[in-house]
Amino acid sequence: MEGDVRREKIIDILEKREKPVSGTELSEMLNVSRQVIVQDIALLRAVNKSILSTNKGYILYREPKAKCNRSFHVFHDDSRIEDELNTIVDNNGKVLDVVVEHDIYGQITVDLIISSRRDVREFVEKLNANRTKPLKELTGGVHYHTVEADSEKALDVIEEELTKKGYIISDNANICLP
């Protein structure tokens, strides 16, 4: 097999695989030595093919899918933290952070990175185990969450569900703080 054809096959194999392919596996598939594969990978990289070497083999670098973000202005008491976060993750959202606007300290942002019910449970357990007050306590329950999802439509669904449950604060809402 000619080198150019073999290198095209390498790219084709890597494009079809989600997981790394070892040099040994490639050499067996293409009936050449592992050293030939190493040289082919070097040549492919030289012409700007984004092939990553991992401890498990070669993988073609793919640009991550673009995600959409939206900030939700929300309000609730401590008893509803778990439900609020589960509402977001159950609808394919990822809670990136919590943000409060404090009268004295200004904007305070803390990364959360919560993307599953397990993450929610662990977060709530930590709050309870440490007898820690959530950041929203500084502002009487009013806070923001930056939420990431695969599409604007997914964010619309999350917003709709949060609104149904009474978490979303509209711009004109009057909140009765405790």
N, C-alpha and C. Protein backbone atom coordinates (compact mmCIF):
# COMPACT_ATOMS: atom_id res chain seq x y z
N MET A 1 0.85 -1.18 0.00
CA MET A 1 0.00 0.00 0.00
C MET A 1 0.90 1.23 0.00
N GLU A 2 0.58 2.15 -0.87
CA GLU A 2 1.34 3.39 -0.99
C GLU A 2 1.14 4.27 0.25
N GLY A 3 2.15 5.05 0.61
CA GLY A 3 2.14 5.87 1.81
C GLY A 3 0.97 6.84 1.89
N ASP A 4 0.69 7.53 0.78
CA ASP A 4 -0.41 8.51 0.79
C ASP A 4 -1.75 7.84 1.06
N VAL A 5 -1.96 6.69 0.44
CA VAL A 5 -3.21 5.94 0.63
C VAL A 5 -3.31 5.46 2.07
N ARG A 6 -2.20 4.96 2.61
CA ARG A 6 -2.18 4.46 3.99
C ARG A 6 -2.48 5.60 4.98
N ARG A 7 -1.90 6.75 4.75
CA ARG A 7 -2.15 7.88 5.65
C ARG A 7 -3.60 8.34 5.57
N GLU A 8 -4.20 8.29 4.37
CA GLU A 8 -5.63 8.60 4.24
C GLU A 8 -6.47 7.60 5.04
N LYS A 9 -6.06 6.33 5.00
CA LYS A 9 -6.77 5.30 5.76
C LYS A 9 -6.63 5.54 7.27
N ILE A 10 -5.45 5.97 7.69
CA ILE A 10 -5.25 6.28 9.12
C ILE A 10 -6.22 7.37 9.54
N ILE A 11 -6.31 8.44 8.76
CA ILE A 11 -7.24 9.54 9.07
C ILE A 11 -8.67 9.01 9.09
N ASP A 12 -9.03 8.19 8.11
CA ASP A 12 -10.38 7.64 8.04
C ASP A 12 -10.69 6.81 9.29
N ILE A 13 -9.76 5.98 9.71
CA ILE A 13 -9.95 5.14 10.91
C ILE A 13 -10.14 6.03 12.14
N LEU A 14 -9.28 7.04 12.29
CA LEU A 14 -9.35 7.90 13.46
C LEU A 14 -10.63 8.74 13.47
N GLU A 15 -11.09 9.15 12.29
CA GLU A 15 -12.33 9.93 12.23
C GLU A 15 -13.55 9.12 12.68
N LYS A 16 -13.50 7.82 12.43
CA LYS A 16 -14.65 6.96 12.76
C LYS A 16 -14.64 6.48 14.20
N ARG A 17 -13.55 6.67 14.88
CA ARG A 17 -13.41 6.17 16.25
C ARG A 17 -13.54 7.31 17.25
N GLU A 18 -14.26 7.05 18.31
CA GLU A 18 -14.39 8.02 19.40
C GLU A 18 -13.26 7.84 20.41
N LYS A 19 -12.71 6.62 20.49
CA LYS A 19 -11.67 6.30 21.46
C LYS A 19 -10.33 6.16 20.75
N PRO A 20 -9.24 6.30 21.50
CA PRO A 20 -7.91 6.18 20.88
C PRO A 20 -7.68 4.81 20.25
N VAL A 21 -6.87 4.81 19.18
CA VAL A 21 -6.49 3.59 18.48
C VAL A 21 -4.98 3.44 18.66
N SER A 22 -4.55 2.29 19.15
CA SER A 22 -3.12 2.10 19.41
C SER A 22 -2.34 1.98 18.10
N GLY A 23 -1.06 2.31 18.17
CA GLY A 23 -0.18 2.16 17.01
C GLY A 23 -0.13 0.71 16.57
N THR A 24 -0.13 -0.21 17.52
CA THR A 24 -0.11 -1.64 17.19
C THR A 24 -1.37 -2.04 16.43
N GLU A 25 -2.52 -1.54 16.89
CA GLU A 25 -3.78 -1.85 16.21
C GLU A 25 -3.79 -1.30 14.79
N LEU A 26 -3.31 -0.06 14.64
CA LEU A 26 -3.22 0.53 13.30
C LEU A 26 -2.28 -0.27 12.40
N SER A 27 -1.14 -0.68 12.96
CA SER A 27 -0.17 -1.43 12.15
C SER A 27 -0.75 -2.78 11.70
N GLU A 28 -1.52 -3.43 12.56
CA GLU A 28 -2.16 -4.70 12.19
C GLU A 28 -3.24 -4.48 11.14
N MET A 29 -4.02 -3.41 11.28
CA MET A 29 -5.09 -3.13 10.33
C MET A 29 -4.54 -2.81 8.94
N LEU A 30 -3.39 -2.14 8.92
CA LEU A 30 -2.82 -1.68 7.65
C LEU A 30 -1.66 -2.55 7.16
N ASN A 31 -1.36 -3.60 7.93
CA ASN A 31 -0.34 -4.56 7.54
C ASN A 31 1.04 -3.93 7.32
N VAL A 32 1.42 -3.07 8.26
CA VAL A 32 2.75 -2.46 8.26
C VAL A 32 3.29 -2.50 9.68
N SER A 33 4.55 -2.15 9.85
CA SER A 33 5.14 -2.14 11.20
C SER A 33 4.62 -0.95 12.00
N ARG A 34 4.76 -1.07 13.29
CA ARG A 34 4.37 0.03 14.18
C ARG A 34 5.21 1.26 13.88
N GLN A 35 6.48 1.06 13.54
CA GLN A 35 7.38 2.18 13.22
C GLN A 35 6.88 2.95 12.00
N VAL A 36 6.32 2.25 11.02
CA VAL A 36 5.76 2.93 9.84
C VAL A 36 4.59 3.81 10.27
N ILE A 37 3.77 3.31 11.19
CA ILE A 37 2.63 4.08 11.70
C ILE A 37 3.13 5.35 12.40
N VAL A 38 4.16 5.20 13.23
CA VAL A 38 4.73 6.36 13.94
C VAL A 38 5.21 7.40 12.92
N GLN A 39 5.87 6.95 11.86
CA GLN A 39 6.34 7.89 10.83
C GLN A 39 5.17 8.53 10.09
N ASP A 40 4.13 7.73 9.80
CA ASP A 40 2.94 8.28 9.12
C ASP A 40 2.26 9.34 9.99
N ILE A 41 2.16 9.07 11.27
CA ILE A 41 1.54 10.04 12.19
C ILE A 41 2.35 11.34 12.18
N ALA A 42 3.66 11.23 12.20
CA ALA A 42 4.52 12.42 12.16
C ALA A 42 4.30 13.20 10.87
N LEU A 43 4.20 12.50 9.75
CA LEU A 43 3.95 13.18 8.46
C LEU A 43 2.57 13.85 8.44
N LEU A 44 1.58 13.17 8.99
CA LEU A 44 0.23 13.75 9.05
C LEU A 44 0.21 15.01 9.92
N ARG A 45 0.91 14.96 11.03
CA ARG A 45 0.99 16.14 11.89
C ARG A 45 1.69 17.29 11.19
N ALA A 46 2.66 16.97 10.37
CA ALA A 46 3.42 18.00 9.64
C ALA A 46 2.54 18.75 8.65
N VAL A 47 1.46 18.11 8.20
CA VAL A 47 0.53 18.78 7.29
C VAL A 47 -0.74 19.21 8.03
N ASN A 48 -0.56 19.52 9.31
CA ASN A 48 -1.62 20.11 10.14
C ASN A 48 -2.80 19.20 10.45
N LYS A 49 -2.60 17.91 10.48
CA LYS A 49 -3.65 17.02 10.96
C LYS A 49 -3.52 16.98 12.48
N SER A 50 -4.61 17.21 13.17
CA SER A 50 -4.58 17.30 14.63
C SER A 50 -4.75 15.92 15.25
N ILE A 51 -3.65 15.20 15.31
CA ILE A 51 -3.66 13.85 15.88
C ILE A 51 -2.97 13.93 17.23
N LEU A 52 -3.69 13.50 18.25
CA LEU A 52 -3.13 13.51 19.60
C LEU A 52 -2.62 12.12 19.95
N SER A 53 -1.50 12.08 20.64
CA SER A 53 -0.97 10.82 21.16
C SER A 53 -1.34 10.72 22.62
N THR A 54 -2.00 9.65 22.99
CA THR A 54 -2.34 9.43 24.39
C THR A 54 -1.71 8.13 24.84
N ASN A 55 -1.80 7.85 26.12
CA ASN A 55 -1.25 6.59 26.61
C ASN A 55 -2.06 5.38 26.11
N LYS A 56 -3.23 5.64 25.51
CA LYS A 56 -4.05 4.55 24.98
C LYS A 56 -4.01 4.49 23.46
N GLY A 57 -3.31 5.41 22.84
CA GLY A 57 -3.21 5.40 21.39
C GLY A 57 -3.44 6.77 20.78
N TYR A 58 -3.71 6.75 19.49
CA TYR A 58 -3.89 7.99 18.73
C TYR A 58 -5.37 8.33 18.63
N ILE A 59 -5.64 9.62 18.66
CA ILE A 59 -7.01 10.08 18.51
C ILE A 59 -6.99 11.39 17.73
N LEU A 60 -7.98 11.56 16.89
CA LEU A 60 -8.09 12.78 16.11
C LEU A 60 -8.75 13.85 16.97
N TYR A 61 -8.11 15.00 17.09
CA TYR A 61 -8.68 16.09 17.89
C TYR A 61 -9.90 16.63 17.18
N ARG A 62 -10.98 16.76 17.94
CA ARG A 62 -12.21 17.36 17.41
C ARG A 62 -12.54 18.60 18.23
N GLU A 63 -12.92 19.63 17.55
CA GLU A 63 -13.36 20.83 18.26
C GLU A 63 -14.58 20.47 19.09
N PRO A 64 -14.59 20.89 20.35
CA PRO A 64 -15.78 20.59 21.15
C PRO A 64 -17.00 21.30 20.56
N LYS A 65 -18.15 20.64 20.69
CA LYS A 65 -19.39 21.25 20.21
C LYS A 65 -19.63 22.54 20.98
N ALA A 66 -20.07 23.53 20.24
CA ALA A 66 -20.38 24.80 20.88
C ALA A 66 -21.54 24.61 21.85
N LYS A 67 -21.42 25.17 23.01
CA LYS A 67 -22.47 25.10 24.02
C LYS A 67 -23.11 26.48 24.14
N CYS A 68 -24.31 26.50 24.63
CA CYS A 68 -25.03 27.75 24.87
C CYS A 68 -25.09 27.98 26.37
N ASN A 69 -24.98 29.23 26.77
CA ASN A 69 -25.07 29.61 28.19
C ASN A 69 -26.18 30.62 28.37
N ARG A 70 -26.79 30.56 29.55
CA ARG A 70 -27.80 31.56 29.92
C ARG A 70 -27.73 31.76 31.42
N SER A 71 -27.92 32.99 31.83
CA SER A 71 -27.96 33.31 33.25
C SER A 71 -29.42 33.39 33.69
N PHE A 72 -29.75 32.63 34.75
CA PHE A 72 -31.11 32.63 35.29
C PHE A 72 -31.11 33.35 36.63
N HIS A 73 -32.01 34.32 36.76
CA HIS A 73 -32.19 35.08 37.99
C HIS A 73 -33.25 34.35 38.80
N VAL A 74 -32.86 33.79 39.95
CA VAL A 74 -33.75 32.90 40.69
C VAL A 74 -33.84 33.28 42.16
N PHE A 75 -34.87 32.72 42.80
CA PHE A 75 -35.12 32.95 44.22
C PHE A 75 -35.79 31.73 44.82
N HIS A 76 -35.31 31.32 46.00
CA HIS A 76 -35.96 30.25 46.76
C HIS A 76 -35.30 30.16 48.12
N ASP A 77 -35.93 29.38 49.02
CA ASP A 77 -35.33 29.18 50.34
C ASP A 77 -34.45 27.92 50.30
N ASP A 78 -33.78 27.65 51.40
CA ASP A 78 -32.83 26.53 51.47
C ASP A 78 -33.48 25.17 51.19
N SER A 79 -34.74 25.02 51.55
CA SER A 79 -35.39 23.72 51.38
C SER A 79 -35.58 23.36 49.91
N ARG A 80 -35.39 24.31 49.01
CA ARG A 80 -35.64 24.06 47.58
C ARG A 80 -34.38 24.01 46.73
N ILE A 81 -33.21 24.06 47.38
CA ILE A 81 -31.94 24.03 46.63
C ILE A 81 -31.86 22.78 45.75
N GLU A 82 -32.09 21.63 46.36
CA GLU A 82 -31.96 20.37 45.63
C GLU A 82 -32.93 20.30 44.46
N ASP A 83 -34.17 20.70 44.67
CA ASP A 83 -35.15 20.65 43.59
C ASP A 83 -34.76 21.60 42.46
N GLU A 84 -34.31 22.79 42.80
CA GLU A 84 -33.91 23.77 41.77
C GLU A 84 -32.79 23.20 40.91
N LEU A 85 -31.74 22.69 41.55
CA LEU A 85 -30.60 22.16 40.80
C LEU A 85 -31.00 20.91 40.00
N ASN A 86 -31.81 20.03 40.59
CA ASN A 86 -32.27 18.84 39.86
C ASN A 86 -33.11 19.22 38.65
N THR A 87 -33.90 20.26 38.78
CA THR A 87 -34.71 20.73 37.65
C THR A 87 -33.80 21.10 36.48
N ILE A 88 -32.69 21.72 36.76
CA ILE A 88 -31.76 22.12 35.71
C ILE A 88 -31.08 20.90 35.09
N VAL A 89 -30.49 20.02 35.92
CA VAL A 89 -29.76 18.88 35.36
C VAL A 89 -30.69 17.85 34.72
N ASP A 90 -31.91 17.71 35.24
CA ASP A 90 -32.87 16.78 34.65
C ASP A 90 -33.29 17.21 33.24
N ASN A 91 -33.10 18.47 32.95
CA ASN A 91 -33.45 19.01 31.63
C ASN A 91 -32.20 19.30 30.80
N ASN A 92 -31.15 18.52 31.07
CA ASN A 92 -29.91 18.54 30.28
C ASN A 92 -29.10 19.82 30.40
N GLY A 93 -29.19 20.46 31.55
CA GLY A 93 -28.37 21.63 31.80
C GLY A 93 -27.22 21.32 32.74
N LYS A 94 -26.24 22.17 32.71
CA LYS A 94 -25.09 22.08 33.60
C LYS A 94 -24.99 23.41 34.33
N VAL A 95 -25.05 23.37 35.67
CA VAL A 95 -24.98 24.59 36.47
C VAL A 95 -23.50 24.95 36.62
N LEU A 96 -23.10 26.02 35.96
CA LEU A 96 -21.69 26.40 35.98
C LEU A 96 -21.31 27.14 37.26
N ASP A 97 -22.22 27.99 37.75
CA ASP A 97 -21.86 28.79 38.92
C ASP A 97 -23.09 29.30 39.65
N VAL A 98 -22.84 29.97 40.75
CA VAL A 98 -23.86 30.72 41.47
C VAL A 98 -23.28 32.12 41.65
N VAL A 99 -24.12 33.13 41.45
CA VAL A 99 -23.68 34.52 41.52
C VAL A 99 -24.67 35.29 42.39
N VAL A 100 -24.14 36.10 43.28
CA VAL A 100 -24.99 37.02 44.05
C VAL A 100 -24.47 38.44 43.88
N GLU A 101 -25.39 39.38 43.97
CA GLU A 101 -25.04 40.81 43.92
C GLU A 101 -25.22 41.34 45.34
N HIS A 102 -24.12 41.50 46.04
CA HIS A 102 -24.14 41.93 47.44
C HIS A 102 -24.04 43.45 47.50
N ASP A 103 -24.81 44.05 48.43
CA ASP A 103 -24.82 45.51 48.57
C ASP A 103 -23.45 46.09 48.89
N ILE A 104 -22.67 45.40 49.66
CA ILE A 104 -21.36 45.91 50.08
C ILE A 104 -20.22 45.34 49.23
N TYR A 105 -20.22 44.02 49.02
CA TYR A 105 -19.10 43.36 48.35
C TYR A 105 -19.21 43.32 46.83
N GLY A 106 -20.35 43.67 46.30
CA GLY A 106 -20.53 43.62 44.85
C GLY A 106 -20.84 42.21 44.39
N GLN A 107 -20.46 41.90 43.17
CA GLN A 107 -20.75 40.59 42.60
C GLN A 107 -19.80 39.54 43.15
N ILE A 108 -20.39 38.45 43.64
CA ILE A 108 -19.61 37.31 44.14
C ILE A 108 -20.01 36.10 43.31
N THR A 109 -19.04 35.46 42.70
CA THR A 109 -19.29 34.30 41.85
C THR A 109 -18.51 33.10 42.37
N VAL A 110 -19.18 31.97 42.44
CA VAL A 110 -18.53 30.73 42.86
C VAL A 110 -18.85 29.65 41.83
N ASP A 111 -17.81 28.98 41.32
CA ASP A 111 -18.02 27.89 40.37
C ASP A 111 -18.67 26.71 41.08
N LEU A 112 -19.66 26.10 40.42
CA LEU A 112 -20.32 24.91 40.96
C LEU A 112 -20.05 23.67 40.10
N ILE A 113 -20.19 23.79 38.80
CA ILE A 113 -20.01 22.70 37.85
C ILE A 113 -20.82 21.46 38.28
N ILE A 114 -22.13 21.62 38.23
CA ILE A 114 -23.06 20.55 38.61
C ILE A 114 -23.79 20.10 37.35
N SER A 115 -23.61 18.81 36.99
CA SER A 115 -24.20 18.34 35.75
C SER A 115 -25.02 17.06 35.88
N SER A 116 -25.20 16.57 37.10
CA SER A 116 -25.97 15.34 37.29
C SER A 116 -26.66 15.36 38.65
N ARG A 117 -27.61 14.46 38.83
CA ARG A 117 -28.26 14.33 40.15
C ARG A 117 -27.23 13.95 41.21
N ARG A 118 -26.27 13.17 40.84
CA ARG A 118 -25.22 12.79 41.79
C ARG A 118 -24.46 14.03 42.27
N ASP A 119 -24.11 14.91 41.33
CA ASP A 119 -23.43 16.16 41.69
C ASP A 119 -24.30 16.99 42.63
N VAL A 120 -25.61 17.04 42.33
CA VAL A 120 -26.55 17.79 43.17
C VAL A 120 -26.55 17.20 44.58
N ARG A 121 -26.71 15.89 44.66
CA ARG A 121 -26.75 15.21 45.97
C ARG A 121 -25.48 15.49 46.76
N GLU A 122 -24.31 15.38 46.11
CA GLU A 122 -23.04 15.62 46.80
C GLU A 122 -22.94 17.07 47.27
N PHE A 123 -23.41 18.01 46.47
CA PHE A 123 -23.39 19.42 46.85
C PHE A 123 -24.26 19.66 48.08
N VAL A 124 -25.48 19.13 48.05
CA VAL A 124 -26.40 19.31 49.17
C VAL A 124 -25.86 18.62 50.42
N GLU A 125 -25.29 17.43 50.26
CA GLU A 125 -24.70 16.73 51.41
C GLU A 125 -23.56 17.54 52.03
N LYS A 126 -22.74 18.17 51.19
CA LYS A 126 -21.65 19.00 51.72
C LYS A 126 -22.20 20.20 52.49
N LEU A 127 -23.23 20.82 51.94
CA LEU A 127 -23.85 21.95 52.64
C LEU A 127 -24.33 21.51 54.02
N ASN A 128 -25.01 20.38 54.06
CA ASN A 128 -25.57 19.89 55.32
C ASN A 128 -24.49 19.41 56.28
N ALA A 129 -23.51 18.68 55.78
CA ALA A 129 -22.46 18.11 56.64
C ALA A 129 -21.60 19.20 57.27
N ASN A 130 -21.38 20.26 56.54
CA ASN A 130 -20.53 21.34 57.05
C ASN A 130 -21.31 22.45 57.73
N ARG A 131 -22.61 22.25 57.80
CA ARG A 131 -23.49 23.29 58.36
C ARG A 131 -23.16 24.65 57.76
N THR A 132 -22.94 24.64 56.46
CA THR A 132 -22.58 25.83 55.72
C THR A 132 -23.84 26.48 55.15
N LYS A 133 -23.83 27.78 55.14
CA LYS A 133 -24.93 28.52 54.53
C LYS A 133 -24.62 28.71 53.05
N PRO A 134 -25.60 28.49 52.19
CA PRO A 134 -25.36 28.73 50.77
C PRO A 134 -25.14 30.22 50.50
N LEU A 135 -24.44 30.52 49.43
CA LEU A 135 -24.09 31.90 49.08
C LEU A 135 -25.33 32.78 48.96
N LYS A 136 -26.44 32.23 48.51
CA LYS A 136 -27.67 33.00 48.32
C LYS A 136 -28.19 33.61 49.62
N GLU A 137 -27.72 33.08 50.77
CA GLU A 137 -28.13 33.60 52.07
C GLU A 137 -27.70 35.06 52.24
N LEU A 138 -26.63 35.47 51.56
CA LEU A 138 -26.16 36.86 51.64
C LEU A 138 -27.16 37.84 51.04
N THR A 139 -28.01 37.32 50.16
CA THR A 139 -28.96 38.19 49.45
C THR A 139 -30.40 37.74 49.65
N GLY A 140 -30.68 37.08 50.76
CA GLY A 140 -32.05 36.69 51.08
C GLY A 140 -32.66 35.69 50.13
N GLY A 141 -31.83 34.90 49.47
CA GLY A 141 -32.34 33.86 48.57
C GLY A 141 -32.26 34.22 47.10
N VAL A 142 -32.00 35.47 46.80
CA VAL A 142 -31.92 35.92 45.41
C VAL A 142 -30.51 35.63 44.89
N HIS A 143 -30.44 34.98 43.73
CA HIS A 143 -29.14 34.67 43.13
C HIS A 143 -29.30 34.39 41.64
N TYR A 144 -28.19 34.17 41.00
CA TYR A 144 -28.16 33.83 39.58
C TYR A 144 -27.43 32.50 39.42
N HIS A 145 -27.80 31.76 38.39
CA HIS A 145 -27.03 30.60 37.98
C HIS A 145 -26.71 30.77 36.50
N THR A 146 -25.46 30.56 36.12
CA THR A 146 -25.11 30.44 34.71
C THR A 146 -25.27 28.97 34.38
N VAL A 147 -26.10 28.69 33.37
CA VAL A 147 -26.40 27.31 32.98
C VAL A 147 -25.94 27.10 31.55
N GLU A 148 -25.31 25.95 31.32
CA GLU A 148 -24.83 25.56 30.00
C GLU A 148 -25.68 24.42 29.48
N ALA A 149 -25.99 24.45 28.17
CA ALA A 149 -26.73 23.36 27.54
C ALA A 149 -26.30 23.27 26.08
N ASP A 150 -26.75 22.21 25.41
CA ASP A 150 -26.34 22.00 24.02
C ASP A 150 -27.01 22.96 23.04
N SER A 151 -28.14 23.55 23.43
CA SER A 151 -28.85 24.41 22.49
C SER A 151 -29.67 25.46 23.24
N GLU A 152 -30.08 26.48 22.50
CA GLU A 152 -30.96 27.50 23.07
C GLU A 152 -32.31 26.87 23.43
N LYS A 153 -32.75 25.91 22.63
CA LYS A 153 -34.02 25.23 22.91
C LYS A 153 -33.96 24.52 24.27
N ALA A 154 -32.83 23.87 24.55
CA ALA A 154 -32.68 23.20 25.85
C ALA A 154 -32.73 24.23 26.98
N LEU A 155 -32.12 25.38 26.77
CA LEU A 155 -32.16 26.44 27.79
C LEU A 155 -33.58 26.98 27.95
N ASP A 156 -34.32 27.05 26.85
CA ASP A 156 -35.72 27.49 26.93
C ASP A 156 -36.54 26.52 27.79
N VAL A 157 -36.30 25.21 27.61
CA VAL A 157 -37.02 24.20 28.40
C VAL A 157 -36.67 24.36 29.88
N ILE A 158 -35.39 24.55 30.17
CA ILE A 158 -34.96 24.74 31.57
C ILE A 158 -35.63 25.97 32.16
N GLU A 159 -35.64 27.06 31.41
CA GLU A 159 -36.28 28.28 31.90
C GLU A 159 -37.77 28.07 32.15
N GLU A 160 -38.42 27.36 31.24
CA GLU A 160 -39.85 27.08 31.39
C GLU A 160 -40.11 26.26 32.65
N GLU A 161 -39.30 25.24 32.90
CA GLU A 161 -39.48 24.39 34.08
C GLU A 161 -39.19 25.17 35.37
N LEU A 162 -38.15 25.98 35.37
CA LEU A 162 -37.85 26.80 36.55
C LEU A 162 -38.96 27.81 36.82
N THR A 163 -39.54 28.34 35.75
CA THR A 163 -40.64 29.30 35.88
C THR A 163 -41.88 28.61 36.46
N LYS A 164 -42.20 27.40 35.94
CA LYS A 164 -43.35 26.64 36.45
C LYS A 164 -43.24 26.40 37.95
N LYS A 165 -42.03 26.18 38.42
CA LYS A 165 -41.82 25.89 39.84
C LYS A 165 -41.64 27.15 40.68
N GLY A 166 -41.72 28.31 40.05
CA GLY A 166 -41.66 29.57 40.78
C GLY A 166 -40.27 30.04 41.15
N TYR A 167 -39.24 29.52 40.49
CA TYR A 167 -37.87 29.92 40.82
C TYR A 167 -37.41 31.18 40.10
N ILE A 168 -37.88 31.38 38.88
CA ILE A 168 -37.41 32.49 38.05
C ILE A 168 -37.98 33.81 38.57
N ILE A 169 -37.10 34.80 38.64
CA ILE A 169 -37.51 36.16 39.00
C ILE A 169 -37.61 36.95 37.71
N SER A 170 -38.79 37.46 37.43
CA SER A 170 -38.91 38.32 36.25
C SER A 170 -38.33 39.69 36.61
N ASP A 171 -38.00 40.47 35.61
CA ASP A 171 -37.38 41.78 35.86
C ASP A 171 -38.26 42.69 36.70
N ASN A 172 -39.58 42.49 36.63
CA ASN A 172 -40.49 43.37 37.36
C ASN A 172 -41.00 42.76 38.66
N ALA A 173 -40.49 41.59 39.01
CA ALA A 173 -41.01 40.90 40.19
C ALA A 173 -40.64 41.61 41.49
N ASN A 174 -41.57 41.60 42.40
CA ASN A 174 -41.30 42.09 43.76
C ASN A 174 -41.05 40.88 44.64
N ILE A 175 -39.88 40.81 45.21
CA ILE A 175 -39.52 39.68 46.05
C ILE A 175 -39.64 40.11 47.51
N CYS A 176 -40.30 39.28 48.28
CA CYS A 176 -40.40 39.54 49.71
C CYS A 176 -39.27 38.79 50.40
N LEU A 177 -38.26 39.51 50.79
CA LEU A 177 -37.11 38.88 51.43
C LEU A 177 -37.39 38.68 52.91
N PRO A 178 -36.93 37.55 53.46
CA PRO A 178 -37.16 37.30 54.89
C PRO A 178 -36.41 38.28 55.76
